[in-house]
Amino acid sequence: MNKSSRFAFWRSAGGNERPKSRFRQNVESLLLAVVVALLVRASVVEAFWVPSGSMLPTIQIGDHLFVNKLAYGMHLPFVEQEVTQWRPVRRGDVVVFISPVDRNIDLIKRIIAVAGDTVEIRNKRLFINGQEVPDPNAHFTDNHVRDNMPRDRFGPVTVPPGKFFVMGDNRDQSYDSRYWGFADERDVKGQATFIYWSWDSQARWPRWARFGHFIR
């Protein structure tokens, strides 16, 4: 069989295959896009909605933000099992993590102390390892100091290995490590990065000025 005959035979053998319909092509493209989106959400970046005011004024109720899931390491998609770690969590980071109290919900708080730190609150003032430290993100709505509440007087306690201590920036109205203890580094989903959408439910209007706002 010469070259032209072999080419004709090959085209004849494959000629019975019908080209994919436009509908099938669209469905396959859509499914591929969904799979890629799920993989990105599970391992790279995830959208997060803030329904409470524990991080006011840094994060407003109704803010929608992106969480960088690669900030500290890489996790297996869908199972949240850490494969490798780039760096540990640091003081001042705003992180999303699984609640130690109710593991069906995620929390967003600021890291105040990490493993090995001794943390204490005296009359609303923050002390790390026995020294008062700057606390520029703290916001208070009640000037009174209540001696019988961990809100205003807490510790000293030392953060164990693999754990960290968090508080909300809205210090007088945040349910955090002062009440339920330490969070686990393995439960960190990622670091909050920037706000992509914000909705003011009272004004029923977007907060345009917060779009693209980076979280510090």
Protein backbone atom coordinates (compact mmCIF):
# COMPACT_ATOMS: atom_id res chain seq x y z
CA MET A 1 0.00 0.00 0.00
CA ASN A 2 1.52 3.32 -1.07
CA LYS A 3 1.49 6.50 1.04
CA SER A 4 -1.56 8.00 -0.66
CA SER A 5 -3.51 4.76 -0.17
CA ARG A 6 -2.56 4.54 3.50
CA PHE A 7 -3.63 8.17 4.02
CA ALA A 8 -6.95 7.55 2.29
CA PHE A 9 -7.54 4.40 4.37
CA TRP A 10 -6.77 6.29 7.63
CA ARG A 11 -9.19 9.08 6.73
CA SER A 12 -11.85 6.54 5.75
CA ALA A 13 -11.47 4.62 9.02
CA GLY A 14 -11.76 7.75 11.13
CA GLY A 15 -14.33 9.39 8.96
CA ASN A 16 -17.21 7.61 10.66
CA GLU A 17 -16.63 9.62 13.88
CA ARG A 18 -19.09 12.44 14.16
CA PRO A 19 -17.74 15.78 15.32
CA LYS A 20 -18.82 16.86 18.80
CA SER A 21 -22.01 18.89 18.88
CA ARG A 22 -21.91 22.50 20.05
CA PHE A 23 -24.00 21.50 23.09
CA ARG A 24 -21.55 18.75 24.09
CA GLN A 25 -18.59 21.09 23.69
CA ASN A 26 -20.29 23.68 25.90
CA VAL A 27 -21.13 21.10 28.58
CA GLU A 28 -17.56 19.76 28.63
CA SER A 29 -16.14 23.29 28.86
CA LEU A 30 -18.53 24.11 31.69
CA LEU A 31 -17.64 20.95 33.62
CA LEU A 32 -13.92 21.67 33.18
CA ALA A 33 -14.42 25.22 34.45
CA VAL A 34 -16.32 23.93 37.49
CA VAL A 35 -13.59 21.40 38.31
CA VAL A 36 -10.87 24.05 38.01
CA ALA A 37 -12.89 26.48 40.15
CA LEU A 38 -13.39 23.84 42.85
CA LEU A 39 -9.69 22.99 42.88
CA VAL A 40 -8.77 26.68 43.16
CA ARG A 41 -11.28 27.18 45.96
CA ALA A 42 -10.06 24.12 47.82
CA SER A 43 -6.36 24.80 47.60
CA VAL A 44 -5.56 28.37 46.50
CA VAL A 45 -8.15 31.02 47.35
CA GLU A 46 -11.58 30.97 48.94
CA ALA A 47 -14.29 33.60 49.30
CA PHE A 48 -15.47 34.33 52.83
CA TRP A 49 -18.44 36.37 54.08
CA VAL A 50 -18.31 38.15 57.44
CA PRO A 51 -21.68 38.08 59.25
CA SER A 52 -20.62 39.44 62.67
CA GLY A 53 -18.98 42.53 64.12
CA SER A 54 -16.18 40.95 66.15
CA MET A 55 -13.54 42.44 63.85
CA LEU A 56 -14.96 45.97 63.68
CA PRO A 57 -13.81 48.44 62.49
CA THR A 58 -11.14 46.57 60.51
CA ILE A 59 -13.73 44.28 58.92
CA GLN A 60 -17.33 45.41 58.60
CA ILE A 61 -20.47 43.27 58.82
CA GLY A 62 -21.28 42.31 55.25
CA ASP A 63 -17.72 42.38 53.95
CA HIS A 64 -16.89 39.70 51.41
CA LEU A 65 -13.20 38.89 51.28
CA PHE A 66 -10.72 36.50 49.76
CA VAL A 67 -8.71 34.10 51.91
CA ASN A 68 -5.25 33.14 50.68
CA LYS A 69 -5.02 29.41 51.35
CA LEU A 70 -1.38 29.30 50.27
CA ALA A 71 -0.21 31.91 52.79
CA TYR A 72 1.17 29.34 55.24
CA GLY A 73 1.44 26.13 53.25
CA MET A 74 -0.23 23.75 50.84
CA HIS A 75 -3.23 21.57 51.67
CA LEU A 76 -4.73 18.62 49.86
CA PRO A 77 -7.91 19.76 48.09
CA PHE A 78 -11.22 19.07 49.88
CA VAL A 79 -9.67 17.36 52.94
CA GLU A 80 -7.75 20.33 54.44
CA GLN A 81 -4.76 18.09 55.19
CA GLU A 82 -1.50 20.03 55.17
CA VAL A 83 1.11 18.77 52.69
CA THR A 84 3.84 21.28 53.45
CA GLN A 85 4.27 24.51 55.38
CA TRP A 86 5.97 27.65 54.03
CA ARG A 87 5.92 29.56 57.31
CA PRO A 88 4.10 29.53 60.65
CA VAL A 89 1.35 31.97 61.58
CA ARG A 90 2.56 35.31 62.93
CA ARG A 91 1.35 37.89 65.39
CA GLY A 92 -0.91 40.42 63.74
CA ASP A 93 -2.12 38.13 60.94
CA VAL A 94 -5.87 38.06 60.31
CA VAL A 95 -6.76 34.43 59.70
CA VAL A 96 -9.77 32.26 58.95
CA PHE A 97 -9.83 29.00 60.90
CA ILE A 98 -12.18 26.27 62.06
CA SER A 99 -13.83 27.12 65.36
CA PRO A 100 -12.58 24.94 68.24
CA VAL A 101 -16.02 25.31 69.84
CA ASP A 102 -18.19 24.44 66.83
CA ARG A 103 -16.20 22.76 64.08
CA ASN A 104 -19.01 23.31 61.60
CA ILE A 105 -18.27 27.03 61.37
CA ASP A 106 -15.27 29.17 60.44
CA LEU A 107 -14.03 32.16 62.43
CA ILE A 108 -12.01 35.20 61.45
CA LYS A 109 -9.79 36.78 64.12
CA ARG A 110 -6.43 38.46 64.59
CA ILE A 111 -3.50 36.44 65.94
CA ILE A 112 -2.28 38.00 69.19
CA ALA A 113 0.22 35.40 70.42
CA VAL A 114 1.88 32.30 68.97
CA ALA A 115 3.46 29.16 70.42
CA GLY A 116 5.81 29.98 73.29
CA ASP A 117 4.36 33.44 73.96
CA THR A 118 2.92 34.33 77.34
CA VAL A 119 -0.14 36.54 76.90
CA GLU A 120 -1.87 38.66 79.51
CA ILE A 121 -4.50 41.39 79.54
CA ARG A 122 -4.40 43.97 82.32
CA ASN A 123 -7.18 46.55 82.37
CA LYS A 124 -7.72 46.09 78.62
CA ARG A 125 -4.00 46.54 77.88
CA LEU A 126 -2.12 43.78 76.09
CA PHE A 127 1.08 42.24 77.45
CA ILE A 128 3.23 39.70 75.62
CA ASN A 129 6.00 37.95 77.53
CA GLY A 130 5.61 40.40 80.40
CA GLN A 131 5.94 43.54 78.27
CA GLU A 132 3.13 45.84 77.19
CA VAL A 133 2.99 45.87 73.41
CA PRO A 134 1.45 48.28 70.89
CA ASP A 135 -2.09 47.24 70.03
CA PRO A 136 -3.12 49.62 67.23
CA ASN A 137 -5.97 47.47 65.90
CA ALA A 138 -7.80 47.21 69.22
CA HIS A 139 -11.19 48.94 69.31
CA PHE A 140 -13.16 49.45 72.53
CA THR A 141 -16.83 50.35 72.98
CA ASP A 142 -16.91 50.19 76.80
CA ASN A 143 -14.48 52.30 78.82
CA HIS A 144 -15.26 50.48 82.06
CA VAL A 145 -12.92 47.73 83.27
CA ARG A 146 -14.74 44.70 84.60
CA ASP A 147 -12.62 42.73 87.02
CA ASN A 148 -14.73 39.57 86.87
CA MET A 149 -14.55 39.15 83.09
CA PRO A 150 -11.75 37.73 80.92
CA ARG A 151 -12.62 40.48 78.46
CA ASP A 152 -10.62 43.05 80.47
CA ARG A 153 -8.41 40.93 82.73
CA PHE A 154 -6.95 37.69 81.47
CA GLY A 155 -3.96 35.43 82.09
CA PRO A 156 -1.11 35.16 82.09
CA VAL A 157 -1.16 31.99 79.98
CA THR A 158 1.53 30.49 77.75
CA VAL A 159 0.58 29.35 74.25
CA PRO A 160 1.37 25.62 73.75
CA PRO A 161 3.20 24.24 70.68
CA GLY A 162 1.03 24.06 67.57
CA LYS A 163 -1.47 26.57 68.98
CA PHE A 164 -2.14 30.30 68.77
CA PHE A 165 -4.15 32.91 70.69
CA VAL A 166 -6.64 35.15 68.86
CA MET A 167 -8.84 38.12 69.60
CA GLY A 168 -11.28 40.17 67.57
CA ASP A 169 -10.34 43.79 66.94
CA ASN A 170 -13.68 44.75 68.48
CA ARG A 171 -12.31 43.75 71.87
CA ASP A 172 -15.39 44.40 74.00
CA GLN A 173 -17.68 42.40 71.71
CA SER A 174 -15.67 39.42 70.54
CA TYR A 175 -16.00 35.79 71.57
CA ASP A 176 -12.42 34.59 71.22
CA SER A 177 -9.44 32.92 72.96
CA ARG A 178 -10.13 34.85 76.15
CA TYR A 179 -13.25 32.70 76.54
CA TRP A 180 -12.60 29.39 74.78
CA GLY A 181 -8.81 29.03 74.80
CA PHE A 182 -6.31 28.37 72.03
CA ALA A 183 -6.83 27.64 68.35
CA ASP A 184 -4.93 24.93 66.47
CA GLU A 185 -2.52 25.78 63.65
CA ARG A 186 -3.81 22.75 61.73
CA ASP A 187 -7.26 24.36 61.60
CA VAL A 188 -6.07 27.51 59.79
CA LYS A 189 -7.70 27.80 56.37
CA GLY A 190 -5.72 30.83 55.26
CA GLN A 191 -4.93 34.49 55.68
CA ALA A 192 -7.51 37.16 54.93
CA THR A 193 -6.20 39.31 52.08
CA PHE A 194 -8.60 41.85 50.58
CA ILE A 195 -12.26 42.78 50.30
CA TYR A 196 -13.85 42.25 46.90
CA TRP A 197 -17.42 43.21 47.85
CA SER A 198 -19.13 44.87 50.80
CA TRP A 199 -22.84 45.26 51.44
CA ASP A 200 -24.36 47.56 54.04
CA SER A 201 -27.58 45.79 55.02
CA GLN A 202 -28.90 48.79 56.95
CA ALA A 203 -28.40 51.27 54.13
CA ARG A 204 -29.15 48.55 51.56
CA TRP A 205 -26.28 49.80 49.45
CA PRO A 206 -22.76 48.65 48.56
CA ARG A 207 -19.84 50.17 50.43
CA TRP A 208 -17.98 51.22 47.29
CA ALA A 209 -14.98 52.59 49.19
CA ARG A 210 -14.22 49.15 50.63
CA PHE A 211 -13.92 47.38 47.29
CA GLY A 212 -10.33 46.21 46.83
CA HIS A 213 -9.43 47.21 50.39
CA PHE A 214 -6.47 45.18 51.70
CA ILE A 215 -6.75 43.82 55.25
CA ARG A 216 -3.98 44.86 57.64
